[in-house]
Amino acid sequence: MVDSALRDTPPATLPREPGPLAQLRAGRLTRRLPQLYVGLVLYGLTAACMIRSRLGNDPWDVLHQGIAVHLGVSIGTVAIVASGIVLLGWIPLRQLPGLGTLSNAILVGLATNLGLAVLPQPHALADQVALMLAGIAGNAVATAMYIGARFGPGPRDGLMTGLHRRTGRPIWLVRTSIEVSVVVAGILLGGVFGVGTVLYAAMIGPLVQPLLPLFAVETGSGGTQKGSDSAPDAVLPAGRGG
């Protein structure tokens, strides 16, 4: 999921996110707000597709499912609580959440619960594979939509970029370290790791990249809003709506 051109980008060259007020003042809200919320709902529904396929969750949902099994609560509920905990990690990193960040933290988990409530459990392998692939492809569209709306990164992506700036470590190393730790913990707790997890990790970046220009909304004085999503590594998802 890491663009090779930014693989070793030093912290000083990675643009900071604009503040919440600047995001709202950037204009074109009648286009950006619906796109943001449709993207976040779609993200949760497609995450539910992957979970229902039982062929492997996205990296963060491996952990969410493992925790949910032990606590006896829904995966979406765990995702919402986990987002809140991750946002606490933004404080020492001096990161400011945007409207998209806070909406992501709540809405994706709710949409995941909705998807799990309405999606039937497939039994034939062909149906499982189809649901998994639909989940990955739909997730890429959803990701491009909420990134293109330019209301800030998701909680997990903001943690990643904040750690990148504070530590000076390459983004690929920060992302990989976080996601490997999350997956290993999820497996130990009983979350479903499988071919879907591997395919998601390998495919989501290449799928999102060509979709971003289709959904990137130009803001301000005719140009794209700088600093929000201009760096691909800063916005490609960390397996849970960012």
C-alpha atoms as a PDB file:
ATOM      1  CA  MET A   1       0.000   0.000   0.000  1.00  0.00           C
ATOM      2  CA  VAL A   2       3.047   2.250   0.020  1.00  0.00           C
ATOM      3  CA  ASP A   3       3.842   4.353  -3.016  1.00  0.00           C
ATOM      4  CA  SER A   4       7.498   3.805  -3.901  1.00  0.00           C
ATOM      5  CA  ALA A   5       8.013   7.504  -4.648  1.00  0.00           C
ATOM      6  CA  LEU A   6       7.246   8.349  -1.013  1.00  0.00           C
ATOM      7  CA  ARG A   7       8.811   5.268   0.561  1.00  0.00           C
ATOM      8  CA  ASP A   8      11.645   7.239   2.161  1.00  0.00           C
ATOM      9  CA  THR A   9      10.016  10.659   2.354  1.00  0.00           C
ATOM     10  CA  PRO A  10      11.581  12.626   5.235  1.00  0.00           C
ATOM     11  CA  PRO A  11       9.099  13.933   7.834  1.00  0.00           C
ATOM     12  CA  ALA A  12       9.591  17.568   6.886  1.00  0.00           C
ATOM     13  CA  THR A  13       8.302  16.977   3.336  1.00  0.00           C
ATOM     14  CA  LEU A  14       5.050  15.234   4.282  1.00  0.00           C
ATOM     15  CA  PRO A  15       2.377  17.957   4.329  1.00  0.00           C
ATOM     16  CA  ARG A  16       0.356  18.457   7.467  1.00  0.00           C
ATOM     17  CA  GLU A  17      -3.399  18.159   7.476  1.00  0.00           C
ATOM     18  CA  PRO A  18      -5.255  21.489   7.436  1.00  0.00           C
ATOM     19  CA  GLY A  19      -7.182  22.237  10.607  1.00  0.00           C
ATOM     20  CA  PRO A  20     -10.876  21.371  10.995  1.00  0.00           C
ATOM     21  CA  LEU A  21     -12.031  24.924  10.285  1.00  0.00           C
ATOM     22  CA  ALA A  22      -9.850  25.171   7.204  1.00  0.00           C
ATOM     23  CA  GLN A  23     -11.363  21.926   5.920  1.00  0.00           C
ATOM     24  CA  LEU A  24     -14.872  23.328   6.307  1.00  0.00           C
ATOM     25  CA  ARG A  25     -13.948  26.700   4.809  1.00  0.00           C
ATOM     26  CA  ALA A  26     -12.420  25.062   1.735  1.00  0.00           C
ATOM     27  CA  GLY A  27     -15.840  25.147   0.079  1.00  0.00           C
ATOM     28  CA  ARG A  28     -17.933  22.809  -2.100  1.00  0.00           C
ATOM     29  CA  LEU A  29     -19.632  21.311   0.945  1.00  0.00           C
ATOM     30  CA  THR A  30     -22.685  20.219  -1.055  1.00  0.00           C
ATOM     31  CA  ARG A  31     -20.418  17.856  -2.966  1.00  0.00           C
ATOM     32  CA  ARG A  32     -17.908  16.965  -0.268  1.00  0.00           C
ATOM     33  CA  LEU A  33     -20.225  16.182   2.654  1.00  0.00           C
ATOM     34  CA  PRO A  34     -22.446  13.652   0.819  1.00  0.00           C
ATOM     35  CA  GLN A  35     -19.355  12.044  -0.699  1.00  0.00           C
ATOM     36  CA  LEU A  36     -17.741  11.746   2.720  1.00  0.00           C
ATOM     37  CA  TYR A  37     -20.726  10.070   4.352  1.00  0.00           C
ATOM     38  CA  VAL A  38     -21.568   7.785   1.430  1.00  0.00           C
ATOM     39  CA  GLY A  39     -17.929   6.715   1.392  1.00  0.00           C
ATOM     40  CA  LEU A  40     -17.847   5.977   5.115  1.00  0.00           C
ATOM     41  CA  VAL A  41     -21.092   3.982   5.043  1.00  0.00           C
ATOM     42  CA  LEU A  42     -19.881   2.038   2.015  1.00  0.00           C
ATOM     43  CA  TYR A  43     -16.598   1.375   3.804  1.00  0.00           C
ATOM     44  CA  GLY A  44     -18.387  -0.220   6.738  1.00  0.00           C
ATOM     45  CA  LEU A  45     -20.676  -2.280   4.496  1.00  0.00           C
ATOM     46  CA  THR A  46     -17.765  -3.605   2.442  1.00  0.00           C
ATOM     47  CA  ALA A  47     -15.833  -4.438   5.596  1.00  0.00           C
ATOM     48  CA  ALA A  48     -18.867  -6.498   6.616  1.00  0.00           C
ATOM     49  CA  CYS A  49     -18.665  -8.314   3.265  1.00  0.00           C
ATOM     50  CA  MET A  50     -15.128  -9.411   4.049  1.00  0.00           C
ATOM     51  CA  ILE A  51     -16.079 -10.514   7.548  1.00  0.00           C
ATOM     52  CA  ARG A  52     -19.065 -12.491   6.252  1.00  0.00           C
ATOM     53  CA  SER A  53     -16.908 -14.233   3.643  1.00  0.00           C
ATOM     54  CA  ARG A  54     -14.869 -15.847   6.454  1.00  0.00           C
ATOM     55  CA  LEU A  55     -11.833 -15.838   4.163  1.00  0.00           C
ATOM     56  CA  GLY A  56      -9.922 -13.183   6.088  1.00  0.00           C
ATOM     57  CA  ASN A  57     -10.725  -9.716   7.438  1.00  0.00           C
ATOM     58  CA  ASP A  58      -8.860  -6.527   6.720  1.00  0.00           C
ATOM     59  CA  PRO A  59      -5.922  -6.116   9.159  1.00  0.00           C
ATOM     60  CA  TRP A  60      -7.663  -4.004  11.817  1.00  0.00           C
ATOM     61  CA  ASP A  61     -10.820  -6.104  11.693  1.00  0.00           C
ATOM     62  CA  VAL A  62      -8.768  -9.185  12.514  1.00  0.00           C
ATOM     63  CA  LEU A  63      -8.073  -7.462  15.835  1.00  0.00           C
ATOM     64  CA  HIS A  64     -11.586  -6.075  16.253  1.00  0.00           C
ATOM     65  CA  GLN A  65     -13.124  -9.496  15.726  1.00  0.00           C
ATOM     66  CA  GLY A  66     -10.717 -11.144  18.169  1.00  0.00           C
ATOM     67  CA  ILE A  67     -11.609  -8.627  20.870  1.00  0.00           C
ATOM     68  CA  ALA A  68     -15.329  -8.883  20.074  1.00  0.00           C
ATOM     69  CA  VAL A  69     -15.268 -12.663  20.498  1.00  0.00           C
ATOM     70  CA  HIS A  70     -13.847 -12.348  24.001  1.00  0.00           C
ATOM     71  CA  LEU A  71     -16.066  -9.469  25.112  1.00  0.00           C
ATOM     72  CA  GLY A  72     -19.279 -10.750  23.560  1.00  0.00           C
ATOM     73  CA  VAL A  73     -19.983  -7.493  21.716  1.00  0.00           C
ATOM     74  CA  SER A  74     -20.274  -6.598  18.026  1.00  0.00           C
ATOM     75  CA  ILE A  75     -17.241  -6.009  15.826  1.00  0.00           C
ATOM     76  CA  GLY A  76     -18.504  -2.553  14.920  1.00  0.00           C
ATOM     77  CA  THR A  77     -18.747  -1.588  18.582  1.00  0.00           C
ATOM     78  CA  VAL A  78     -15.158  -2.679  19.161  1.00  0.00           C
ATOM     79  CA  ALA A  79     -14.092  -0.691  16.093  1.00  0.00           C
ATOM     80  CA  ILE A  80     -15.724   2.472  17.453  1.00  0.00           C
ATOM     81  CA  VAL A  81     -14.097   2.087  20.865  1.00  0.00           C
ATOM     82  CA  ALA A  82     -10.747   1.284  19.251  1.00  0.00           C
ATOM     83  CA  SER A  83     -11.014   4.444  17.150  1.00  0.00           C
ATOM     84  CA  GLY A  84     -11.508   6.479  20.311  1.00  0.00           C
ATOM     85  CA  ILE A  85      -8.447   4.908  21.902  1.00  0.00           C
ATOM     86  CA  VAL A  86      -6.373   5.549  18.780  1.00  0.00           C
ATOM     87  CA  LEU A  87      -7.496   9.191  18.796  1.00  0.00           C
ATOM     88  CA  LEU A  88      -6.093   9.544  22.300  1.00  0.00           C
ATOM     89  CA  GLY A  89      -2.751   8.700  20.744  1.00  0.00           C
ATOM     90  CA  TRP A  90      -3.099  11.800  18.569  1.00  0.00           C
ATOM     91  CA  ILE A  91      -2.765  14.070  21.601  1.00  0.00           C
ATOM     92  CA  PRO A  92       0.996  13.690  22.211  1.00  0.00           C
ATOM     93  CA  LEU A  93       1.509  13.770  18.438  1.00  0.00           C
ATOM     94  CA  ARG A  94      -0.263  17.155  18.277  1.00  0.00           C
ATOM     95  CA  GLN A  95      -2.683  15.976  15.614  1.00  0.00           C
ATOM     96  CA  LEU A  96      -6.056  17.687  15.173  1.00  0.00           C
ATOM     97  CA  PRO A  97      -9.009  15.531  14.058  1.00  0.00           C
ATOM     98  CA  GLY A  98     -11.203  16.810  11.267  1.00  0.00           C
ATOM     99  CA  LEU A  99     -14.870  16.237  10.596  1.00  0.00           C
ATOM    100  CA  GLY A 100     -13.955  13.204   8.496  1.00  0.00           C
ATOM    101  CA  THR A 101     -11.813  11.797  11.299  1.00  0.00           C
ATOM    102  CA  LEU A 102     -14.587  11.952  13.898  1.00  0.00           C
ATOM    103  CA  SER A 103     -17.237  10.762  11.453  1.00  0.00           C
ATOM    104  CA  ASN A 104     -14.990   7.870  10.442  1.00  0.00           C
ATOM    105  CA  ALA A 105     -14.514   6.844  14.063  1.00  0.00           C
ATOM    106  CA  ILE A 106     -18.252   6.360  14.572  1.00  0.00           C
ATOM    107  CA  LEU A 107     -19.927   5.765  11.241  1.00  0.00           C
ATOM    108  CA  VAL A 108     -17.747   2.959   9.877  1.00  0.00           C
ATOM    109  CA  GLY A 109     -18.398   0.808  12.940  1.00  0.00           C
ATOM    110  CA  LEU A 110     -22.148   1.431  12.772  1.00  0.00           C
ATOM    111  CA  ALA A 111     -22.219   0.592   9.050  1.00  0.00           C
ATOM    112  CA  THR A 112     -20.217  -2.583   9.701  1.00  0.00           C
ATOM    113  CA  ASN A 113     -22.802  -3.698  12.263  1.00  0.00           C
ATOM    114  CA  LEU A 114     -25.592  -2.914   9.798  1.00  0.00           C
ATOM    115  CA  GLY A 115     -23.907  -4.927   7.065  1.00  0.00           C
ATOM    116  CA  LEU A 116     -23.388  -7.908   9.345  1.00  0.00           C
ATOM    117  CA  ALA A 117     -27.059  -7.748  10.360  1.00  0.00           C
ATOM    118  CA  VAL A 118     -28.396  -7.896   6.797  1.00  0.00           C
ATOM    119  CA  LEU A 119     -25.812  -9.930   4.872  1.00  0.00           C
ATOM    120  CA  PRO A 120     -26.502 -13.683   4.739  1.00  0.00           C
ATOM    121  CA  GLN A 121     -23.712 -16.109   5.572  1.00  0.00           C
ATOM    122  CA  PRO A 122     -22.474 -17.746   2.348  1.00  0.00           C
ATOM    123  CA  HIS A 123     -21.717 -21.471   2.461  1.00  0.00           C
ATOM    124  CA  ALA A 124     -20.450 -22.294  -1.025  1.00  0.00           C
ATOM    125  CA  LEU A 125     -16.793 -21.403  -1.581  1.00  0.00           C
ATOM    126  CA  ALA A 126     -17.629 -19.562  -4.807  1.00  0.00           C
ATOM    127  CA  ASP A 127     -20.051 -17.333  -2.895  1.00  0.00           C
ATOM    128  CA  GLN A 128     -17.457 -16.673  -0.193  1.00  0.00           C
ATOM    129  CA  VAL A 129     -14.843 -15.697  -2.781  1.00  0.00           C
ATOM    130  CA  ALA A 130     -17.309 -13.420  -4.585  1.00  0.00           C
ATOM    131  CA  LEU A 131     -18.240 -11.690  -1.329  1.00  0.00           C
ATOM    132  CA  MET A 132     -14.590 -11.245  -0.379  1.00  0.00           C
ATOM    133  CA  LEU A 133     -13.674  -9.758  -3.763  1.00  0.00           C
ATOM    134  CA  ALA A 134     -16.725  -7.481  -3.713  1.00  0.00           C
ATOM    135  CA  GLY A 135     -15.663  -6.321  -0.265  1.00  0.00           C
ATOM    136  CA  ILE A 136     -12.125  -5.477  -1.377  1.00  0.00           C
ATOM    137  CA  ALA A 137     -13.211  -3.714  -4.584  1.00  0.00           C
ATOM    138  CA  GLY A 138     -16.026  -1.809  -2.867  1.00  0.00           C
ATOM    139  CA  ASN A 139     -13.694  -0.853  -0.054  1.00  0.00           C
ATOM    140  CA  ALA A 140     -11.326   0.732  -2.574  1.00  0.00           C
ATOM    141  CA  VAL A 141     -14.156   2.849  -3.997  1.00  0.00           C
ATOM    142  CA  ALA A 142     -15.260   3.833  -0.490  1.00  0.00           C
ATOM    143  CA  THR A 143     -11.707   4.787   0.449  1.00  0.00           C
ATOM    144  CA  ALA A 144     -11.272   6.995  -2.624  1.00  0.00           C
ATOM    145  CA  MET A 145     -14.587   8.684  -1.825  1.00  0.00           C
ATOM    146  CA  TYR A 146     -13.841   9.635   1.768  1.00  0.00           C
ATOM    147  CA  ILE A 147     -10.254  10.606   1.005  1.00  0.00           C
ATOM    148  CA  GLY A 148     -11.350  12.693  -1.975  1.00  0.00           C
ATOM    149  CA  ALA A 149     -13.835  14.594   0.195  1.00  0.00           C
ATOM    150  CA  ARG A 150     -10.835  16.088   2.036  1.00  0.00           C
ATOM    151  CA  PHE A 151     -12.042  16.180   5.610  1.00  0.00           C
ATOM    152  CA  GLY A 152      -8.964  14.646   7.194  1.00  0.00           C
ATOM    153  CA  PRO A 153      -7.612  11.109   7.637  1.00  0.00           C
ATOM    154  CA  GLY A 154      -9.168   8.328   9.646  1.00  0.00           C
ATOM    155  CA  PRO A 155      -7.968   7.802  13.228  1.00  0.00           C
ATOM    156  CA  ARG A 156      -5.494   5.054  12.308  1.00  0.00           C
ATOM    157  CA  ASP A 157      -3.956   6.862   9.341  1.00  0.00           C
ATOM    158  CA  GLY A 158      -3.577  10.006  11.427  1.00  0.00           C
ATOM    159  CA  LEU A 159      -1.724   7.986  14.068  1.00  0.00           C
ATOM    160  CA  MET A 160       0.554   6.602  11.375  1.00  0.00           C
ATOM    161  CA  THR A 161       1.404   9.963   9.809  1.00  0.00           C
ATOM    162  CA  GLY A 162       1.832  11.537  13.245  1.00  0.00           C
ATOM    163  CA  LEU A 163       4.311   8.838  14.283  1.00  0.00           C
ATOM    164  CA  HIS A 164       6.101   9.301  10.971  1.00  0.00           C
ATOM    165  CA  ARG A 165       6.577  13.018  11.620  1.00  0.00           C
ATOM    166  CA  ARG A 166       7.588  12.600  15.264  1.00  0.00           C
ATOM    167  CA  THR A 167       9.989   9.675  14.862  1.00  0.00           C
ATOM    168  CA  GLY A 168      11.400  10.326  11.404  1.00  0.00           C
ATOM    169  CA  ARG A 169      10.826   6.687  10.463  1.00  0.00           C
ATOM    170  CA  PRO A 170       9.739   5.965   6.866  1.00  0.00           C
ATOM    171  CA  ILE A 171       5.994   5.701   6.405  1.00  0.00           C
ATOM    172  CA  TRP A 172       6.233   2.158   5.051  1.00  0.00           C
ATOM    173  CA  LEU A 173       8.020   1.067   8.231  1.00  0.00           C
ATOM    174  CA  VAL A 174       5.533   2.780  10.555  1.00  0.00           C
ATOM    175  CA  ARG A 175       2.534   1.364   8.653  1.00  0.00           C
ATOM    176  CA  THR A 176       3.965  -2.149   8.439  1.00  0.00           C
ATOM    177  CA  SER A 177       4.925  -2.202  12.120  1.00  0.00           C
ATOM    178  CA  ILE A 178       1.451  -1.108  13.207  1.00  0.00           C
ATOM    179  CA  GLU A 179      -0.443  -3.459  10.896  1.00  0.00           C
ATOM    180  CA  VAL A 180       1.711  -6.515  11.648  1.00  0.00           C
ATOM    181  CA  SER A 181       1.290  -5.899  15.384  1.00  0.00           C
ATOM    182  CA  VAL A 182      -2.475  -5.502  14.956  1.00  0.00           C
ATOM    183  CA  VAL A 183      -2.825  -8.671  12.881  1.00  0.00           C
ATOM    184  CA  VAL A 184      -0.689 -10.793  15.205  1.00  0.00           C
ATOM    185  CA  ALA A 185      -2.665  -9.622  18.240  1.00  0.00           C
ATOM    186  CA  GLY A 186      -5.924 -10.288  16.386  1.00  0.00           C
ATOM    187  CA  ILE A 187      -4.880 -13.811  15.407  1.00  0.00           C
ATOM    188  CA  LEU A 188      -3.919 -14.604  18.989  1.00  0.00           C
ATOM    189  CA  LEU A 189      -7.342 -13.397  20.134  1.00  0.00           C
ATOM    190  CA  GLY A 190      -9.186 -15.485  17.543  1.00  0.00           C
ATOM    191  CA  GLY A 191      -9.799 -13.000  14.717  1.00  0.00           C
ATOM    192  CA  VAL A 192     -10.066 -14.411  11.195  1.00  0.00           C
ATOM    193  CA  PHE A 193      -6.839 -14.094   9.215  1.00  0.00           C
ATOM    194  CA  GLY A 194      -6.743 -15.573   5.728  1.00  0.00           C
ATOM    195  CA  VAL A 195      -6.346 -15.040   2.030  1.00  0.00           C
ATOM    196  CA  GLY A 196      -8.693 -12.052   2.206  1.00  0.00           C
ATOM    197  CA  THR A 197      -6.359 -10.313   4.656  1.00  0.00           C
ATOM    198  CA  VAL A 198      -3.364 -10.859   2.387  1.00  0.00           C
ATOM    199  CA  LEU A 199      -5.229  -9.800  -0.766  1.00  0.00           C
ATOM    200  CA  TYR A 200      -6.540  -6.686   0.963  1.00  0.00           C
ATOM    201  CA  ALA A 201      -3.058  -5.652   2.057  1.00  0.00           C
ATOM    202  CA  ALA A 202      -1.647  -6.270  -1.424  1.00  0.00           C
ATOM    203  CA  MET A 203      -4.477  -4.852  -3.526  1.00  0.00           C
ATOM    204  CA  ILE A 204      -6.038  -1.925  -1.662  1.00  0.00           C
ATOM    205  CA  GLY A 205      -3.293   0.576  -2.521  1.00  0.00           C
ATOM    206  CA  PRO A 206      -3.116  -0.221  -6.250  1.00  0.00           C
ATOM    207  CA  LEU A 207      -6.930  -0.192  -6.443  1.00  0.00           C
ATOM    208  CA  VAL A 208      -7.352   3.129  -4.631  1.00  0.00           C
ATOM    209  CA  GLN A 209      -4.643   5.054  -6.489  1.00  0.00           C
ATOM    210  CA  PRO A 210      -6.380   5.215  -9.913  1.00  0.00           C
ATOM    211  CA  LEU A 211      -9.724   5.965  -8.239  1.00  0.00           C
ATOM    212  CA  LEU A 212      -8.479   8.979  -6.265  1.00  0.00           C
ATOM    213  CA  PRO A 213      -8.504  11.401  -9.242  1.00  0.00           C
ATOM    214  CA  LEU A 214     -12.127  10.463  -9.918  1.00  0.00           C
ATOM    215  CA  PHE A 215     -13.256  11.481  -6.426  1.00  0.00           C
ATOM    216  CA  ALA A 216     -10.757  14.191  -5.421  1.00  0.00           C
ATOM    217  CA  VAL A 217     -12.775  17.387  -4.974  1.00  0.00           C
ATOM    218  CA  GLU A 218     -11.131  20.649  -5.962  1.00  0.00           C
ATOM    219  CA  THR A 219     -11.470  23.216  -3.206  1.00  0.00           C
ATOM    220  CA  GLY A 220     -10.428  26.753  -2.382  1.00  0.00           C
ATOM    221  CA  SER A 221      -9.486  28.972  -5.320  1.00  0.00           C
ATOM    222  CA  GLY A 222      -9.841  26.348  -8.005  1.00  0.00           C
ATOM    223  CA  GLY A 223      -7.044  24.052  -6.874  1.00  0.00           C
ATOM    224  CA  THR A 224      -7.031  20.952  -4.782  1.00  0.00           C
ATOM    225  CA  GLN A 225      -6.775  21.481  -1.063  1.00  0.00           C
ATOM    226  CA  LYS A 226      -3.141  21.047  -0.183  1.00  0.00           C
ATOM    227  CA  GLY A 227      -1.989  19.012   2.769  1.00  0.00           C
ATOM    228  CA  SER A 228      -5.056  16.858   3.185  1.00  0.00           C
ATOM    229  CA  ASP A 229      -4.628  14.037   0.759  1.00  0.00           C
ATOM    230  CA  SER A 230      -1.901  15.063  -1.615  1.00  0.00           C
ATOM    231  CA  ALA A 231       0.523  12.447  -0.366  1.00  0.00           C
ATOM    232  CA  PRO A 232      -0.705   8.967  -1.241  1.00  0.00           C
ATOM    233  CA  ASP A 233       1.020   7.304   1.690  1.00  0.00           C
ATOM    234  CA  ALA A 234      -0.644   9.698   4.089  1.00  0.00           C
ATOM    235  CA  VAL A 235      -4.111   8.676   3.114  1.00  0.00           C
ATOM    236  CA  LEU A 236      -4.197   5.075   1.923  1.00  0.00           C
ATOM    237  CA  PRO A 237      -6.168   3.203   4.526  1.00  0.00           C
ATOM    238  CA  ALA A 238      -4.824   1.275   7.455  1.00  0.00           C
ATOM    239  CA  GLY A 239      -7.438  -1.398   7.055  1.00  0.00           C
ATOM    240  CA  ARG A 240     -10.355   0.269   8.777  1.00  0.00           C
ATOM    241  CA  GLY A 241     -11.470   3.362   7.022  1.00  0.00           C
ATOM    242  CA  GLY A 242      -8.172   4.784   8.051  1.00  0.00           C
END
